[in-house]
N, C-alpha and C. Protein backbone atom coordinates (compact mmCIF):
# COMPACT_ATOMS: atom_id res chain seq x y z
N MET A 1 15.29 12.11 12.12
CA MET A 1 14.07 11.64 11.49
C MET A 1 13.68 10.29 12.10
N LEU A 2 12.39 10.05 12.15
CA LEU A 2 11.86 8.81 12.70
C LEU A 2 11.27 7.95 11.60
N ASN A 3 11.74 6.72 11.47
CA ASN A 3 11.15 5.79 10.52
C ASN A 3 9.99 5.10 11.22
N THR A 4 8.83 5.09 10.57
CA THR A 4 7.60 4.61 11.17
C THR A 4 6.93 3.58 10.27
N LYS A 5 6.57 2.44 10.84
CA LYS A 5 5.86 1.41 10.08
C LYS A 5 4.39 1.77 10.02
N ALA A 6 3.78 1.53 8.86
CA ALA A 6 2.37 1.85 8.65
C ALA A 6 1.80 0.90 7.61
N TYR A 7 0.51 1.04 7.35
CA TYR A 7 -0.13 0.37 6.22
C TYR A 7 -0.64 1.47 5.30
N ALA A 8 -0.36 1.32 4.01
CA ALA A 8 -0.70 2.37 3.06
C ALA A 8 -1.48 1.81 1.87
N ALA A 9 -2.32 2.68 1.32
CA ALA A 9 -2.93 2.42 0.02
C ALA A 9 -1.95 2.97 -1.01
N LEU A 10 -1.39 2.09 -1.83
CA LEU A 10 -0.43 2.53 -2.83
C LEU A 10 -1.12 3.14 -4.04
N ASN A 11 -2.37 2.72 -4.26
CA ASN A 11 -3.22 3.30 -5.30
C ASN A 11 -4.67 2.98 -4.92
N ALA A 12 -5.60 3.38 -5.75
CA ALA A 12 -7.02 3.25 -5.41
C ALA A 12 -7.58 1.84 -5.54
N THR A 13 -6.83 0.91 -6.13
CA THR A 13 -7.40 -0.41 -6.41
C THR A 13 -6.75 -1.56 -5.66
N THR A 14 -5.68 -1.31 -4.92
CA THR A 14 -5.01 -2.41 -4.22
C THR A 14 -5.30 -2.35 -2.72
N PRO A 15 -5.23 -3.50 -2.04
CA PRO A 15 -5.43 -3.50 -0.59
C PRO A 15 -4.32 -2.72 0.13
N LEU A 16 -4.56 -2.36 1.38
CA LEU A 16 -3.51 -1.74 2.17
C LEU A 16 -2.33 -2.70 2.28
N ALA A 17 -1.12 -2.14 2.28
CA ALA A 17 0.09 -2.95 2.32
C ALA A 17 1.08 -2.33 3.30
N PRO A 18 1.98 -3.16 3.88
CA PRO A 18 3.00 -2.61 4.77
C PRO A 18 3.79 -1.51 4.05
N PHE A 19 4.13 -0.47 4.81
CA PHE A 19 4.77 0.71 4.23
C PHE A 19 5.58 1.38 5.33
N GLU A 20 6.64 2.06 4.98
CA GLU A 20 7.43 2.79 5.96
C GLU A 20 7.45 4.26 5.59
N ILE A 21 7.15 5.12 6.56
CA ILE A 21 7.19 6.55 6.33
C ILE A 21 8.26 7.17 7.22
N THR A 22 8.79 8.28 6.81
CA THR A 22 9.78 9.01 7.58
C THR A 22 9.13 10.26 8.15
N ARG A 23 9.18 10.40 9.46
CA ARG A 23 8.59 11.54 10.16
C ARG A 23 9.70 12.46 10.65
N ARG A 24 9.39 13.74 10.73
CA ARG A 24 10.36 14.69 11.29
C ARG A 24 10.50 14.44 12.79
N GLU A 25 11.56 14.92 13.37
CA GLU A 25 11.73 14.84 14.81
C GLU A 25 10.66 15.71 15.48
N PRO A 26 10.08 15.26 16.58
CA PRO A 26 9.07 16.05 17.27
C PRO A 26 9.65 17.38 17.78
N GLY A 27 8.82 18.42 17.72
CA GLY A 27 9.21 19.74 18.18
C GLY A 27 8.71 20.02 19.59
N PRO A 28 8.91 21.24 20.08
CA PRO A 28 8.58 21.58 21.47
C PRO A 28 7.08 21.55 21.78
N HIS A 29 6.21 21.57 20.80
CA HIS A 29 4.77 21.53 21.01
C HIS A 29 4.17 20.17 20.67
N ASP A 30 5.00 19.16 20.45
CA ASP A 30 4.55 17.85 20.00
C ASP A 30 4.55 16.82 21.12
N VAL A 31 3.84 15.72 20.86
CA VAL A 31 3.81 14.56 21.74
C VAL A 31 4.14 13.35 20.87
N LEU A 32 5.03 12.50 21.33
CA LEU A 32 5.37 11.27 20.62
C LEU A 32 4.51 10.15 21.19
N ILE A 33 3.72 9.50 20.32
CA ILE A 33 2.80 8.45 20.73
C ILE A 33 3.18 7.14 20.06
N ASP A 34 3.29 6.08 20.84
CA ASP A 34 3.47 4.73 20.30
C ASP A 34 2.06 4.21 20.02
N ILE A 35 1.63 4.29 18.77
CA ILE A 35 0.26 3.92 18.40
C ILE A 35 0.09 2.41 18.48
N GLN A 36 -0.89 1.99 19.26
CA GLN A 36 -1.19 0.57 19.43
C GLN A 36 -2.33 0.12 18.53
N TYR A 37 -3.30 1.02 18.30
CA TYR A 37 -4.48 0.69 17.51
C TYR A 37 -4.87 1.90 16.67
N CYS A 38 -5.46 1.64 15.51
CA CYS A 38 -5.93 2.71 14.64
C CYS A 38 -7.23 2.27 13.98
N GLY A 39 -8.20 3.17 13.98
CA GLY A 39 -9.48 2.88 13.34
C GLY A 39 -9.54 3.48 11.95
N ILE A 40 -10.26 2.82 11.08
CA ILE A 40 -10.49 3.31 9.72
C ILE A 40 -11.98 3.62 9.61
N CYS A 41 -12.32 4.86 9.32
CA CYS A 41 -13.73 5.23 9.20
C CYS A 41 -14.16 5.18 7.72
N HIS A 42 -15.44 5.39 7.51
CA HIS A 42 -15.99 5.33 6.16
C HIS A 42 -15.35 6.37 5.24
N THR A 43 -15.06 7.55 5.77
CA THR A 43 -14.40 8.59 4.98
C THR A 43 -13.03 8.13 4.51
N ASP A 44 -12.27 7.44 5.38
CA ASP A 44 -10.96 6.92 4.99
C ASP A 44 -11.09 5.95 3.82
N VAL A 45 -12.13 5.12 3.84
CA VAL A 45 -12.34 4.16 2.75
C VAL A 45 -12.60 4.91 1.43
N HIS A 46 -13.46 5.93 1.46
CA HIS A 46 -13.72 6.72 0.25
C HIS A 46 -12.43 7.36 -0.28
N GLU A 47 -11.63 7.91 0.63
CA GLU A 47 -10.38 8.55 0.20
C GLU A 47 -9.40 7.53 -0.38
N ALA A 48 -9.24 6.39 0.31
CA ALA A 48 -8.30 5.37 -0.16
C ALA A 48 -8.70 4.79 -1.51
N ARG A 49 -9.99 4.78 -1.81
CA ARG A 49 -10.48 4.28 -3.10
C ARG A 49 -10.61 5.41 -4.13
N ASP A 50 -10.26 6.61 -3.75
CA ASP A 50 -10.34 7.80 -4.61
C ASP A 50 -11.75 7.98 -5.19
N GLU A 51 -12.75 7.70 -4.38
CA GLU A 51 -14.13 7.79 -4.85
C GLU A 51 -14.62 9.23 -4.98
N TRP A 52 -13.95 10.17 -4.35
CA TRP A 52 -14.33 11.58 -4.45
C TRP A 52 -13.36 12.34 -5.35
N GLY A 53 -12.30 11.66 -5.84
CA GLY A 53 -11.30 12.31 -6.68
C GLY A 53 -10.31 13.12 -5.85
N GLY A 54 -9.12 13.26 -6.37
CA GLY A 54 -8.12 14.09 -5.72
C GLY A 54 -7.27 13.43 -4.66
N SER A 55 -7.44 12.13 -4.44
CA SER A 55 -6.62 11.45 -3.44
C SER A 55 -5.16 11.43 -3.88
N ILE A 56 -4.27 11.53 -2.91
CA ILE A 56 -2.83 11.52 -3.18
C ILE A 56 -2.27 10.21 -2.62
N PHE A 57 -1.55 9.49 -3.45
CA PHE A 57 -0.99 8.19 -3.07
C PHE A 57 0.53 8.26 -3.08
N PRO A 58 1.19 7.45 -2.24
CA PRO A 58 0.63 6.52 -1.27
C PRO A 58 -0.06 7.28 -0.15
N MET A 59 -1.06 6.63 0.46
CA MET A 59 -1.87 7.22 1.51
C MET A 59 -1.93 6.28 2.70
N VAL A 60 -1.71 6.82 3.90
CA VAL A 60 -1.87 6.05 5.13
C VAL A 60 -3.17 6.52 5.77
N PRO A 61 -4.27 5.76 5.57
CA PRO A 61 -5.56 6.18 6.13
C PRO A 61 -5.64 5.88 7.63
N GLY A 62 -6.57 6.55 8.27
CA GLY A 62 -6.82 6.31 9.69
C GLY A 62 -6.41 7.50 10.52
N HIS A 63 -7.31 7.93 11.39
CA HIS A 63 -6.98 9.06 12.26
C HIS A 63 -7.51 8.89 13.67
N GLU A 64 -8.25 7.82 13.93
CA GLU A 64 -8.68 7.52 15.28
C GLU A 64 -7.67 6.55 15.87
N ILE A 65 -6.90 7.02 16.86
CA ILE A 65 -5.81 6.18 17.38
C ILE A 65 -5.90 6.01 18.88
N ALA A 66 -5.28 4.95 19.37
CA ALA A 66 -5.08 4.72 20.80
C ALA A 66 -3.65 4.23 20.97
N GLY A 67 -2.97 4.76 21.94
CA GLY A 67 -1.58 4.36 22.14
C GLY A 67 -1.04 4.84 23.47
N VAL A 68 0.27 4.82 23.57
CA VAL A 68 0.98 5.17 24.79
C VAL A 68 1.86 6.39 24.51
N VAL A 69 1.73 7.41 25.35
CA VAL A 69 2.59 8.59 25.21
C VAL A 69 4.00 8.19 25.60
N LYS A 70 4.93 8.36 24.67
CA LYS A 70 6.32 7.99 24.91
C LYS A 70 7.14 9.17 25.43
N LYS A 71 6.79 10.37 24.95
CA LYS A 71 7.54 11.55 25.38
C LYS A 71 6.72 12.79 25.05
N ASN A 72 6.71 13.74 25.98
CA ASN A 72 6.15 15.04 25.66
C ASN A 72 7.25 16.08 25.80
N TRP A 73 7.15 17.11 25.01
CA TRP A 73 8.23 18.08 24.93
C TRP A 73 7.93 19.33 25.77
N GLN A 74 8.72 20.32 25.58
CA GLN A 74 8.76 21.54 26.38
C GLN A 74 7.41 22.14 26.73
N PHE A 75 6.52 22.33 25.76
CA PHE A 75 5.27 23.03 26.01
C PHE A 75 4.08 22.08 26.18
N CYS A 76 4.33 20.80 26.35
CA CYS A 76 3.27 19.81 26.52
C CYS A 76 3.33 19.27 27.93
N GLU A 77 2.91 20.07 28.89
CA GLU A 77 3.01 19.64 30.28
C GLU A 77 1.87 18.72 30.69
N THR A 78 0.70 18.88 30.07
CA THR A 78 -0.43 18.01 30.38
C THR A 78 -1.00 17.47 29.07
N ILE A 79 -1.53 16.28 29.16
CA ILE A 79 -2.11 15.64 27.98
C ILE A 79 -3.49 15.16 28.32
């Protein structure tokens, strides 16, 4: 398992805070990326504030990333 540092919304009313998540080991179709930057879009803000209902906390918002590929596995020959 990989321990990963992140920023999470612990609930809908508090600011993002340092958080650690545990990720599974990458499989043969995965790419391991050392994320350098992450963007937060307007949808992430709505979800983190639970403005549409149904948000699950803790939540690590953000899905636009830039980073460095650290390792690619068996079936990831090109990226």
